[in-house]
Amino acid sequence: MTSLSHDRLAGALVAEADRFGTAIAGADPQLRVPTCPEWTLRDLAWHVGLAYHKSAVIIASRPTGYVPFDAVTVDDPPAFAALGGWLRDGAERLVAAVAEVGPETPTSTWTPDRRAGFWTRRLAHETVVHRADAAFATGAPYDVDGDLAADGISEGLDLVAVFSRQPHPALDRTPLQGTGETLLFHATDPELGRLVRRTPSGVEVAQGTGAADVVVEGRAADLLLALTRRLAADDPRLTVSGDAALFEHWLEHTRF
């Protein structure tokens, strides 16, 4: 699916990192994150920031093969009170690394998309979702630009399609192979339709609307949170029509 421009995503990444820092400012670093219950707020911030810094190192090294994050060494995160600046620095470092090599340049990623620009898009959306986690933990206000949320929906569905066809140790989506079941994810603001079909060989995703076994509708921002299990399937901000159990099955097998 066509994504937002790289420049739009790069700007969004830095802005979202800033908003993440604002959401955690002054909070208790040991606060548990209800949507990631195994993590504290510090853990959540470290997870996001280390992804920025490590992906920037990988891209700058111009690797010719796969480089796992565990093999990358970066400085330890600073004290919690300084994490906001560290997050922004990491986002800017990543954006600069991609700009230096070019977003179409091959690099190491964990998907078939080997372009450096993969990291800009992936971590922009990673930050959008984890900023929601931080906001839910601290009580900070949360919303996200509609075009960015819509792109996050498309990116997430594309990843499901990829890993429904090939096993992956952490992102196995092969249980979503099916016999023609269909799900329509319809964002109403901005308008976006993604029709999903479960086939014996994997998930197929098409742009547009149409008849489906289950239709899930809501604002793009709310639909993104639902698809990432941050909003309950029966939340009043969503409308679910048809086979609700099919949607629940989808959510159960798309944990990220």
Protein backbone atom coordinates (compact mmCIF):
# COMPACT_ATOMS: atom_id res chain seq x y z
CA MET A 1 0.00 0.00 0.00
CA THR A 2 1.17 3.55 -0.66
CA SER A 3 2.39 5.23 2.52
CA LEU A 4 2.80 8.82 3.58
CA SER A 5 5.83 10.59 2.13
CA HIS A 6 9.13 9.94 3.82
CA ASP A 7 9.43 13.62 4.77
CA ARG A 8 6.02 13.51 6.45
CA LEU A 9 6.98 10.37 8.37
CA ALA A 10 10.35 11.78 9.40
CA GLY A 11 8.71 14.91 10.76
CA ALA A 12 6.07 12.83 12.52
CA LEU A 13 8.72 10.64 14.14
CA VAL A 14 10.45 13.60 15.77
CA ALA A 15 7.15 15.21 16.78
CA GLU A 16 5.86 11.95 18.27
CA ALA A 17 9.11 11.48 20.22
CA ASP A 18 8.60 14.98 21.65
CA ARG A 19 5.01 14.17 22.60
CA PHE A 20 6.14 10.95 24.24
CA GLY A 21 8.59 12.93 26.37
CA THR A 22 5.82 15.32 27.36
CA ALA A 23 3.53 12.42 28.33
CA ILE A 24 6.08 10.99 30.79
CA ALA A 25 7.47 14.26 32.15
CA GLY A 26 7.30 14.41 35.96
CA ALA A 27 5.75 10.93 36.28
CA ASP A 28 6.89 8.11 38.52
CA PRO A 29 9.39 6.02 36.52
CA GLN A 30 8.20 2.86 38.33
CA LEU A 31 4.58 3.44 37.30
CA ARG A 32 3.13 0.30 35.71
CA VAL A 33 1.82 0.66 32.16
CA PRO A 34 -1.67 -0.87 32.05
CA THR A 35 -1.53 -1.72 28.34
CA CYS A 36 1.98 -3.24 28.72
CA PRO A 37 1.66 -4.63 32.26
CA GLU A 38 5.10 -6.25 32.27
CA TRP A 39 6.72 -2.81 31.85
CA THR A 40 7.21 0.25 33.99
CA LEU A 41 7.10 3.71 32.45
CA ARG A 42 10.91 3.71 32.42
CA ASP A 43 10.94 0.37 30.59
CA LEU A 44 8.52 1.74 28.00
CA ALA A 45 10.62 4.84 27.35
CA TRP A 46 13.81 2.79 27.12
CA HIS A 47 12.18 0.41 24.63
CA VAL A 48 11.22 3.29 22.33
CA GLY A 49 14.43 5.29 22.66
CA LEU A 50 16.80 2.35 22.26
CA ALA A 51 15.02 1.43 19.04
CA TYR A 52 15.80 4.92 17.70
CA HIS A 53 19.44 4.88 18.71
CA LYS A 54 20.15 1.29 17.65
CA SER A 55 18.44 1.55 14.27
CA ALA A 56 20.41 4.74 13.60
CA VAL A 57 23.66 2.90 14.34
CA ILE A 58 22.67 0.03 12.05
CA ILE A 59 21.77 2.34 9.17
CA ALA A 60 24.94 4.42 9.54
CA SER A 61 27.08 1.25 9.43
CA ARG A 62 25.70 0.43 5.95
CA PRO A 63 25.39 -3.31 6.69
CA THR A 64 25.26 -5.93 3.96
CA GLY A 65 23.44 -8.51 6.11
CA TYR A 66 21.02 -8.77 8.99
CA VAL A 67 22.09 -7.05 12.24
CA PRO A 68 19.96 -7.86 15.31
CA PHE A 69 19.40 -5.12 17.87
CA ASP A 70 21.06 -7.30 20.51
CA ALA A 71 24.33 -7.00 18.59
CA VAL A 72 24.29 -3.17 18.64
CA THR A 73 25.95 -1.22 21.46
CA VAL A 74 24.80 2.29 22.33
CA ASP A 75 25.18 4.48 25.42
CA ASP A 76 22.94 3.65 28.34
CA PRO A 77 19.80 5.79 28.66
CA PRO A 78 20.10 8.77 31.04
CA ALA A 79 18.20 9.37 34.27
CA PHE A 80 14.43 9.36 33.92
CA ALA A 81 14.16 13.14 34.14
CA ALA A 82 16.37 13.45 31.04
CA LEU A 83 14.60 10.83 28.94
CA GLY A 84 12.53 13.39 27.02
CA GLY A 85 15.65 14.94 25.51
CA TRP A 86 17.19 11.52 24.90
CA LEU A 87 14.07 10.40 23.02
CA ARG A 88 14.13 13.47 20.79
CA ASP A 89 17.88 13.09 20.20
CA GLY A 90 17.34 9.46 19.20
CA ALA A 91 14.54 10.31 16.77
CA GLU A 92 16.65 13.07 15.21
CA ARG A 93 19.64 10.71 15.05
CA LEU A 94 17.58 8.15 13.16
CA VAL A 95 16.16 10.74 10.76
CA ALA A 96 19.68 12.03 10.08
CA ALA A 97 21.03 8.52 9.49
CA VAL A 98 18.32 7.77 6.95
CA ALA A 99 18.86 11.13 5.24
CA GLU A 100 22.60 10.45 5.02
CA VAL A 101 22.23 7.13 3.17
CA GLY A 102 18.88 7.84 1.48
CA PRO A 103 15.54 6.23 2.40
CA GLU A 104 15.69 3.78 -0.54
CA THR A 105 19.16 2.47 0.38
CA PRO A 106 19.26 -1.19 1.48
CA THR A 107 19.91 -1.79 5.17
CA SER A 108 19.19 -4.36 7.88
CA THR A 109 15.55 -4.81 8.88
CA TRP A 110 13.46 -7.70 10.19
CA THR A 111 11.04 -7.67 7.22
CA PRO A 112 11.39 -8.19 3.47
CA ASP A 113 11.40 -4.38 3.16
CA ARG A 114 15.15 -3.72 3.36
CA ARG A 115 15.02 0.04 2.76
CA ALA A 116 16.43 2.45 5.32
CA GLY A 117 13.15 4.35 5.18
CA PHE A 118 11.44 1.30 6.67
CA TRP A 119 12.80 2.36 10.05
CA THR A 120 11.38 5.89 9.77
CA ARG A 121 7.89 4.59 9.11
CA ARG A 122 8.01 1.67 11.54
CA LEU A 123 9.31 3.72 14.46
CA ALA A 124 6.97 6.64 13.80
CA HIS A 125 4.05 4.25 14.25
CA GLU A 126 5.73 2.40 17.11
CA THR A 127 5.97 5.74 18.89
CA VAL A 128 2.35 6.65 18.16
CA VAL A 129 1.16 3.47 19.86
CA HIS A 130 3.59 3.53 22.77
CA ARG A 131 2.79 7.21 23.36
CA ALA A 132 -0.76 6.01 23.91
CA ASP A 133 0.58 3.50 26.45
CA ALA A 134 2.41 6.30 28.25
CA ALA A 135 -0.64 8.57 28.19
CA PHE A 136 -2.90 5.84 29.57
CA ALA A 137 -0.43 5.26 32.40
CA THR A 138 0.05 8.91 33.35
CA GLY A 139 -3.37 10.31 32.50
CA ALA A 140 -1.93 12.63 29.85
CA PRO A 141 -4.23 13.62 26.97
CA TYR A 142 -3.89 11.54 23.81
CA ASP A 143 -4.82 11.89 20.18
CA VAL A 144 -2.96 11.46 16.91
CA ASP A 145 -3.14 13.14 13.51
CA GLY A 146 -5.66 11.36 11.31
CA ASP A 147 -3.37 10.88 8.32
CA LEU A 148 -0.68 9.39 10.54
CA ALA A 149 -3.16 7.03 12.22
CA ALA A 150 -4.49 5.93 8.83
CA ASP A 151 -0.97 5.18 7.63
CA GLY A 152 -0.34 3.23 10.83
CA ILE A 153 -3.37 1.06 10.07
CA SER A 154 -2.09 0.35 6.57
CA GLU A 155 1.45 -0.37 7.77
CA GLY A 156 0.23 -2.73 10.46
CA LEU A 157 -2.01 -4.67 8.06
CA ASP A 158 0.83 -4.94 5.56
CA LEU A 159 3.04 -6.50 8.26
CA VAL A 160 0.29 -8.98 9.13
CA ALA A 161 0.03 -9.95 5.47
CA VAL A 162 3.79 -10.56 5.24
CA PHE A 163 4.06 -12.69 8.35
CA SER A 164 0.87 -14.63 7.64
CA ARG A 165 2.78 -16.20 4.76
CA GLN A 166 6.09 -16.93 6.47
CA PRO A 167 6.66 -18.08 10.06
CA HIS A 168 8.52 -15.65 12.32
CA PRO A 169 9.69 -16.43 15.87
CA ALA A 170 8.13 -13.29 17.35
CA LEU A 171 5.58 -12.15 14.76
CA ASP A 172 4.01 -15.38 13.51
CA ARG A 173 0.69 -14.54 11.86
CA THR A 174 0.17 -17.91 10.13
CA PRO A 175 -2.85 -18.70 12.40
CA LEU A 176 -4.65 -16.02 10.35
CA GLN A 177 -4.58 -18.17 7.24
CA GLY A 178 -8.18 -19.07 6.46
CA THR A 179 -10.74 -20.17 3.94
CA GLY A 180 -11.94 -16.86 2.53
CA GLU A 181 -13.15 -15.06 5.67
CA THR A 182 -13.26 -11.30 5.18
CA LEU A 183 -12.84 -8.32 7.50
CA LEU A 184 -13.35 -4.69 6.56
CA PHE A 185 -11.52 -2.06 8.60
CA HIS A 186 -13.17 1.25 7.77
CA ALA A 187 -11.76 4.49 9.13
CA THR A 188 -14.22 7.37 8.96
CA ASP A 189 -11.88 10.32 9.73
CA PRO A 190 -9.96 10.43 7.49
CA GLU A 191 -11.72 8.07 5.11
CA LEU A 192 -9.83 4.80 4.68
CA GLY A 193 -10.99 1.32 3.78
CA ARG A 194 -8.92 -1.86 4.01
CA LEU A 195 -10.57 -5.12 3.01
CA VAL A 196 -8.81 -8.17 4.43
CA ARG A 197 -9.26 -11.71 3.14
CA ARG A 198 -7.93 -14.78 4.95
CA THR A 199 -6.82 -17.39 2.39
CA PRO A 200 -5.12 -20.78 2.78
CA SER A 201 -1.77 -19.20 1.82
CA GLY A 202 -2.05 -16.07 3.95
CA VAL A 203 -3.77 -12.74 4.46
CA GLU A 204 -4.55 -10.51 1.49
CA VAL A 205 -5.15 -6.78 2.01
CA ALA A 206 -6.86 -4.57 -0.58
CA GLN A 207 -7.71 -0.90 -0.59
CA GLY A 208 -11.38 0.00 -0.61
CA THR A 209 -14.66 -1.08 0.93
CA GLY A 210 -17.28 -3.72 0.23
CA ALA A 211 -19.22 -6.55 1.78
CA ALA A 212 -17.37 -8.45 4.53
CA ASP A 213 -18.07 -11.01 7.23
CA VAL A 214 -17.28 -8.37 9.84
CA VAL A 215 -17.01 -4.59 9.48
CA VAL A 216 -15.12 -2.54 12.07
CA GLU A 217 -15.57 1.23 11.84
CA GLY A 218 -14.31 4.27 13.74
CA ARG A 219 -12.03 7.27 13.50
CA ALA A 220 -8.60 6.31 12.21
CA ALA A 221 -7.06 7.18 15.59
CA ASP A 222 -9.49 4.88 17.43
CA LEU A 223 -9.30 2.10 14.87
CA LEU A 224 -5.50 2.10 15.10
CA LEU A 225 -5.70 1.73 18.89
CA ALA A 226 -8.22 -1.09 18.53
CA LEU A 227 -6.06 -2.96 16.03
CA THR A 228 -3.09 -2.67 18.39
CA ARG A 229 -5.21 -3.87 21.34
CA ARG A 230 -5.14 -0.50 23.13
CA LEU A 231 -8.89 -0.03 22.72
CA ALA A 232 -11.38 -2.79 23.53
CA ALA A 233 -13.32 -4.33 20.67
CA ASP A 234 -16.58 -3.32 22.37
CA ASP A 235 -15.53 0.28 23.01
CA PRO A 236 -18.35 2.69 22.06
CA ARG A 237 -15.97 4.61 19.79
CA LEU A 238 -16.07 1.60 17.45
CA THR A 239 -18.89 0.03 15.50
CA VAL A 240 -18.57 -3.71 14.88
CA SER A 241 -21.09 -5.24 12.48
CA GLY A 242 -21.31 -8.90 11.54
CA ASP A 243 -19.21 -11.73 12.94
CA ALA A 244 -17.67 -10.13 16.03
CA ALA A 245 -15.92 -13.41 16.90
CA LEU A 246 -13.93 -13.12 13.66
CA PHE A 247 -12.66 -9.73 14.78
CA GLU A 248 -11.78 -11.11 18.22
CA HIS A 249 -9.85 -13.94 16.56
CA TRP A 250 -7.96 -11.37 14.49
CA LEU A 251 -7.01 -9.38 17.58
CA GLU A 252 -5.91 -12.50 19.44
CA HIS A 253 -3.50 -13.43 16.66
CA THR A 254 -2.07 -9.97 15.91
CA ARG A 255 -0.44 -9.23 19.24
CA PHE A 256 2.69 -7.13 18.68
